[in-house]
Protein backbone atom coordinates (compact mmCIF):
# COMPACT_ATOMS: atom_id res chain seq x y z
CA UNK A 1 0.00 0.00 0.00
CA UNK A 2 2.14 2.93 -1.19
CA UNK A 3 2.03 6.29 0.50
CA UNK A 4 2.41 9.59 -1.27
CA UNK A 5 3.44 13.03 -0.06
CA UNK A 6 1.63 16.11 -1.38
CA UNK A 7 3.55 17.27 -4.45
CA UNK A 8 5.81 20.31 -4.09
CA UNK A 9 5.09 23.30 -6.28
CA UNK A 10 7.50 23.48 -9.18
CA UNK A 11 8.24 27.11 -10.03
CA UNK A 12 10.63 26.53 -12.94
CA UNK A 13 8.88 26.48 -16.31
CA UNK A 14 5.41 27.08 -14.88
CA UNK A 15 3.33 29.91 -16.25
CA UNK A 16 1.92 32.48 -13.84
CA UNK A 17 -1.63 31.71 -14.95
CA UNK A 18 -1.22 28.00 -14.26
CA UNK A 19 0.25 28.71 -10.84
CA UNK A 20 -2.54 31.16 -9.99
CA UNK A 21 -5.23 28.72 -11.10
CA UNK A 22 -3.70 25.97 -8.96
CA UNK A 23 -3.38 28.31 -6.00
CA UNK A 24 -6.98 29.49 -6.43
CA UNK A 25 -8.24 25.89 -6.45
CA UNK A 26 -6.21 25.12 -3.34
CA UNK A 27 -7.46 28.17 -1.43
CA UNK A 28 -11.04 27.44 -2.47
CA UNK A 29 -10.77 23.87 -1.18
CA UNK A 30 -9.39 25.11 2.15
CA UNK A 31 -12.09 27.77 2.47
CA UNK A 32 -15.11 25.48 2.08
CA UNK A 33 -14.85 23.80 5.51
CA UNK A 34 -13.98 27.15 7.11
CA UNK A 35 -17.10 28.73 5.62
CA UNK A 36 -19.13 25.75 6.84
CA UNK A 37 -17.76 26.32 10.35
CA UNK A 38 -18.58 30.04 10.13
CA UNK A 39 -22.14 29.61 8.88
CA UNK A 40 -22.94 26.88 11.41
CA UNK A 41 -21.89 29.29 14.18
CA UNK A 42 -23.56 32.44 12.85
CA UNK A 43 -20.28 34.06 11.82
CA UNK A 44 -20.83 36.44 8.90
CA UNK A 45 -18.61 37.37 5.97
CA UNK A 46 -17.91 40.82 7.45
CA UNK A 47 -16.35 39.26 10.56
CA UNK A 48 -14.19 36.90 8.51
CA UNK A 49 -13.17 39.71 6.15
CA UNK A 50 -11.82 41.71 9.09
CA UNK A 51 -10.00 38.66 10.46
CA UNK A 52 -8.50 38.01 7.03
CA UNK A 53 -7.24 41.59 6.78
CA UNK A 54 -5.68 41.30 10.25
CA UNK A 55 -3.98 38.04 9.28
CA UNK A 56 -2.60 39.52 6.03
CA UNK A 57 -1.12 42.47 7.89
CA UNK A 58 0.30 40.39 10.71
CA UNK A 59 1.91 37.78 8.46
CA UNK A 60 3.25 40.38 6.02
CA UNK A 61 4.89 42.11 8.95
CA UNK A 62 6.32 38.82 10.28
CA UNK A 63 7.86 37.98 6.89
CA UNK A 64 10.24 40.95 7.20
CA UNK A 65 11.27 40.96 10.87
CA UNK A 66 14.52 42.83 10.23
CA UNK A 67 12.97 45.63 8.18
CA UNK A 68 12.99 49.14 9.72
CA UNK A 69 9.74 50.23 11.39
CA UNK A 70 9.46 53.57 9.59
CA UNK A 71 8.53 51.96 6.26
CA UNK A 72 6.34 49.17 7.61
CA UNK A 73 3.02 50.60 6.39
CA UNK A 74 4.26 51.00 2.80
CA UNK A 75 5.84 47.54 2.71
CA UNK A 76 2.75 45.84 4.14
CA UNK A 77 0.43 47.80 1.83
CA UNK A 78 2.48 46.77 -1.21
CA UNK A 79 2.63 43.10 -0.16
CA UNK A 80 -1.05 42.72 0.77
CA UNK A 81 -2.81 45.09 -1.62
CA UNK A 82 -4.55 46.81 1.30
CA UNK A 83 -4.49 50.59 1.23
CA UNK A 84 -2.22 52.45 3.61
CA UNK A 85 -5.10 53.74 5.73
CA UNK A 86 -6.36 50.21 6.35
CA UNK A 87 -2.87 48.96 7.16
CA UNK A 88 -2.33 51.82 9.61
CA UNK A 89 -5.66 51.08 11.30
CA UNK A 90 -4.91 47.37 11.59
CA UNK A 91 -1.40 47.91 12.92
CA UNK A 92 -2.79 50.19 15.62
CA UNK A 93 -5.52 47.66 16.51
CA UNK A 94 -4.97 45.17 19.29
CA UNK A 95 -4.70 42.09 17.08
CA UNK A 96 -4.52 38.83 19.06
CA UNK A 97 -1.18 37.03 18.80
CA UNK A 98 -1.26 33.43 17.62
CA UNK A 99 -1.12 31.04 20.56
CA UNK A 100 0.44 27.60 20.39
CA UNK A 101 0.44 26.53 24.04
CA UNK A 102 -1.97 23.61 24.52
CA UNK A 103 -4.38 23.67 27.48
CA UNK A 104 -3.03 22.08 30.67
CA UNK A 105 -5.90 19.60 30.67
CA UNK A 106 -4.50 17.93 27.54
CA UNK A 107 -1.09 17.37 29.15
CA UNK A 108 -2.62 15.93 32.32
CA UNK A 109 -4.73 13.63 30.17
CA UNK A 110 -1.70 12.57 28.09
CA UNK A 111 0.42 11.74 31.13
CA UNK A 112 -2.40 9.92 32.88
CA UNK A 113 -2.96 7.66 29.89
CA UNK A 114 0.69 6.91 29.08
CA UNK A 115 2.98 7.18 32.11
CA UNK A 116 3.60 3.85 33.81
CA UNK A 117 3.00 5.22 37.32
CA UNK A 118 -0.60 6.02 36.45
CA UNK A 119 -1.47 2.81 34.58
CA UNK A 120 -2.81 -0.44 36.01
CA UNK A 121 -1.43 -3.92 35.31
CA UNK A 122 -3.41 -4.05 32.06
CA UNK A 123 -1.90 -0.77 30.85
CA UNK A 124 -5.12 1.19 31.39
CA UNK A 125 -5.39 4.51 33.28
CA UNK A 126 -5.80 3.81 36.99
CA UNK A 127 -8.33 5.41 39.29
CA UNK A 128 -6.29 7.78 41.47
CA UNK A 129 -6.72 8.99 44.99
CA UNK A 130 -7.26 12.72 44.86
CA UNK A 131 -4.52 13.72 47.28
CA UNK A 132 -1.22 12.37 48.52
CA UNK A 133 2.08 11.20 47.05
CA UNK A 134 2.35 9.72 43.58
CA UNK A 135 0.40 8.08 42.14
CA UNK A 136 -2.37 10.55 42.96
CA UNK A 137 -4.24 13.17 41.00
CA UNK A 138 -2.55 15.86 43.06
CA UNK A 139 0.92 14.56 42.18
CA UNK A 140 -0.07 14.22 38.52
CA UNK A 141 -1.39 17.78 38.34
CA UNK A 142 1.70 19.19 40.09
CA UNK A 143 3.98 17.32 37.66
CA UNK A 144 2.36 19.36 34.87
CA UNK A 145 2.20 22.78 36.51
CA UNK A 146 2.68 24.49 39.84
CA UNK A 147 0.81 27.59 38.68
CA UNK A 148 -2.68 26.07 38.91
CA UNK A 149 -3.95 24.34 42.05
CA UNK A 150 -4.84 20.63 41.58
CA UNK A 151 -8.39 21.36 42.83
CA UNK A 152 -8.87 23.84 39.99
CA UNK A 153 -7.51 21.38 37.42
CA UNK A 154 -9.82 18.67 38.74
CA UNK A 155 -12.82 20.98 38.53
CA UNK A 156 -11.94 21.81 34.91
CA UNK A 157 -11.57 18.15 33.92
CA UNK A 158 -14.89 17.31 35.60
CA UNK A 159 -16.54 20.21 33.77
CA UNK A 160 -15.23 18.91 30.46
CA UNK A 161 -16.75 15.50 31.17
CA UNK A 162 -13.34 13.80 31.08
CA UNK A 163 -13.06 12.86 34.76
CA UNK A 164 -15.34 11.53 37.47
CA UNK A 165 -14.70 12.40 41.14
CA UNK A 166 -16.12 9.94 43.64
CA UNK A 167 -16.36 12.29 46.59
CA UNK A 168 -17.27 9.55 49.05
CA UNK A 169 -14.11 7.57 48.29
CA UNK A 170 -12.20 10.72 47.23
CA UNK A 171 -11.03 8.89 44.12
CA UNK A 172 -10.66 10.36 40.63
CA UNK A 173 -11.04 8.32 37.42
CA UNK A 174 -11.10 9.01 33.69
CA UNK A 175 -14.46 8.64 31.98
CA UNK A 176 -13.03 8.19 28.46
CA UNK A 177 -9.80 7.19 26.75
CA UNK A 178 -9.70 10.05 24.24
CA UNK A 179 -9.38 13.77 24.90
CA UNK A 180 -12.74 14.89 23.53
CA UNK A 181 -14.28 17.54 25.80
CA UNK A 182 -18.00 16.91 26.26
CA UNK A 183 -20.29 19.83 25.46
CA UNK A 184 -17.51 22.44 25.49
CA UNK A 185 -17.39 24.26 22.16
CA UNK A 186 -14.57 26.55 23.26
CA UNK A 187 -12.18 23.66 23.92
CA UNK A 188 -13.23 21.92 20.71
CA UNK A 189 -12.58 25.11 18.74
CA UNK A 190 -9.20 25.50 20.46
CA UNK A 191 -8.30 21.95 19.44
CA UNK A 192 -9.46 22.61 15.88
CA UNK A 193 -7.31 25.73 15.65
CA UNK A 194 -4.24 24.04 17.13
CA UNK A 195 -4.38 20.75 15.25
CA UNK A 196 -5.49 22.00 11.83
CA UNK A 197 -3.40 25.15 12.15
CA UNK A 198 -0.19 23.19 12.67
CA UNK A 199 -1.10 20.71 9.92
CA UNK A 200 -1.68 23.58 7.52
CA UNK A 201 1.54 25.31 8.62
CA UNK A 202 3.45 22.10 7.85
CA UNK A 203 1.80 21.69 4.45
CA UNK A 204 2.38 25.31 3.43
CA UNK A 205 6.01 25.21 4.57
CA UNK A 206 6.59 22.12 2.44
CA UNK A 207 4.97 23.70 -0.62
CA UNK A 208 6.74 27.07 -0.48
CA UNK A 209 10.02 25.39 0.47
CA UNK A 210 11.04 27.72 3.26
CA UNK A 211 13.82 25.39 4.36
CA UNK A 212 11.47 23.26 6.42
CA UNK A 213 10.77 19.59 5.84
CA UNK A 214 7.74 18.28 7.71
CA UNK A 215 6.41 14.75 7.58
CA UNK A 216 3.03 14.75 5.85
CA UNK A 217 1.79 11.51 4.36
CA UNK A 218 -1.68 10.14 3.68
CA UNK A 219 -3.45 7.07 2.37
CA UNK A 220 -6.44 7.73 0.09
CA UNK A 221 -9.02 5.16 -0.97
CA UNK A 222 -12.39 5.36 -2.68
CA UNK A 223 -15.14 2.88 -3.63
CA UNK A 224 -15.48 1.73 -0.02
CA UNK A 225 -18.78 0.78 1.57
CA UNK A 226 -20.00 2.28 4.84
CA UNK A 227 -19.47 -1.18 6.38
CA UNK A 228 -15.82 -1.09 5.29
CA UNK A 229 -15.37 2.35 6.83
CA UNK A 230 -16.68 1.03 10.15
CA UNK A 231 -14.41 -2.01 9.89
CA UNK A 232 -11.37 0.28 9.55
CA UNK A 233 -12.14 2.39 12.64
CA UNK A 234 -10.85 -0.08 15.27
CA UNK A 235 -7.58 -0.50 13.33
CA UNK A 236 -7.12 3.27 13.09
CA UNK A 237 -7.78 3.79 16.80
CA UNK A 238 -5.36 1.01 17.69
CA UNK A 239 -2.65 2.54 15.51
CA UNK A 240 -3.11 5.93 17.14
CA UNK A 241 -3.03 4.39 20.62
CA UNK A 242 0.24 2.63 19.78
CA UNK A 243 1.77 5.82 18.40
CA UNK A 244 0.67 7.96 21.33
CA UNK A 245 1.78 5.43 23.95
CA UNK A 246 5.24 5.36 22.38
CA UNK A 247 5.64 9.07 21.71
CA UNK A 248 4.47 10.70 24.96
CA UNK A 249 6.99 8.96 27.28
CA UNK A 250 9.76 9.47 24.70
CA UNK A 251 8.98 13.19 24.43
CA UNK A 252 8.80 13.65 28.21
CA UNK A 253 12.17 11.89 28.59
CA UNK A 254 13.72 14.15 25.97
CA UNK A 255 12.34 17.27 27.65
CA UNK A 256 13.91 16.17 30.92
CA UNK A 257 17.22 15.36 29.20
CA UNK A 258 17.27 18.78 27.50
CA UNK A 259 16.68 20.43 30.86
CA UNK A 260 19.40 18.43 32.60
CA UNK A 261 21.93 19.12 29.84
CA UNK A 262 21.16 22.83 29.71
CA UNK A 263 20.12 22.79 26.05
CA UNK A 264 18.01 25.68 24.74
CA UNK A 265 14.39 24.49 24.85
CA UNK A 266 12.84 26.76 22.23
CA UNK A 267 11.27 24.17 19.91
CA UNK A 268 7.77 22.70 19.83
CA UNK A 269 6.33 19.78 17.90
CA UNK A 270 2.86 18.39 17.19
CA UNK A 271 2.34 14.82 16.03
CA UNK A 272 -1.09 13.78 14.86
CA UNK A 273 -3.20 11.37 12.90
CA UNK A 274 -6.52 12.13 11.27
CA UNK A 275 -9.16 10.37 9.21
CA UNK A 276 -12.00 11.75 7.16
CA UNK A 277 -14.69 9.99 5.18
CA UNK A 278 -17.69 11.12 3.20
CA UNK A 279 -19.81 9.87 0.35
CA UNK A 280 -17.64 9.86 -2.77
CA UNK A 281 -18.75 11.96 -5.73
CA UNK A 282 -20.60 9.89 -8.35
CA UNK A 283 -19.53 11.35 -11.70
CA UNK A 284 -22.04 9.14 -13.56
CA UNK A 285 -24.97 10.73 -11.74
CA UNK A 286 -24.61 14.53 -11.64
CA UNK A 287 -27.69 14.83 -9.44
CA UNK A 288 -25.83 13.05 -6.62
CA UNK A 289 -23.00 15.60 -6.55
CA UNK A 290 -22.94 17.94 -3.54
CA UNK A 291 -23.82 21.52 -4.45
CA UNK A 292 -20.80 23.58 -5.43
CA UNK A 293 -18.58 20.63 -6.18
CA UNK A 294 -17.92 19.61 -9.76
CA UNK A 295 -15.68 16.92 -11.14
CA UNK A 296 -14.99 16.57 -14.81
CA UNK A 297 -12.65 13.58 -14.71
CA UNK A 298 -13.98 10.20 -15.73
CA UNK A 299 -14.73 7.53 -13.13
CA UNK A 300 -11.65 5.57 -12.10
CA UNK A 301 -11.05 2.27 -10.44
CA UNK A 302 -10.52 2.07 -6.68
CA UNK A 303 -7.18 3.61 -5.87
CA UNK A 304 -4.75 3.93 -3.03
CA UNK A 305 -2.28 6.76 -2.99
């Protein structure tokens, strides 16, 4: 089953029109799910337009970090196509800085489900006494941060529906084996921004060849039945569990080694796995195509890429 990386853009010998058409198709494909997210949450075009202007100005400014400040408005205006007045307004605005720090709850969850001290003999997360020396929830929370009290972290995990606190026994246990906050749209949106944002950063860096080289591989298959999709889910979950169980302890050990050796700890890394399935487009029956999506290529045999 061969794997294929997304092709790099070849600049040499490519006409500007061809490049622009390819770029337009790519941007359009990326925008469709974003628009779906906006419309399902009542976010209008005017809001997104302002956010897009802010992003253009911020990124254009970041691309020339060594440039003198006195000509910033002209440089950004030239690069983005926004007029100088708009650029000046946006520079003066309090534009939020991109955040990359994951919520503490995710790190507590990751350690609880992978570190040997917090697993039972079957390798499953143990129920922990709330207080006391390790293994306890208090010790686990303090191993992640000393800035937030363990009681506050417990309350947050309970609120997210990830943890159950038996107050009579004063024992804390996980209610699920995946970090999927229950009924908390803010956390789900934060996860969406972090995971998809980093994936897109990696893809873009690979395409524009900024000196980065990020692993990005995928397997694609069509002509599957819904029964086949369901049959694949346990295999996918098992593969992710194996990857996560191997990576988290290795990463924690490396962080500790970096600290002990006095190495500069200024790098971050996200490792993920995703799946997506939907009804494939039927090119023989145009009426079955989703609105706004058109394919002109002829029907092909099942394929794996």
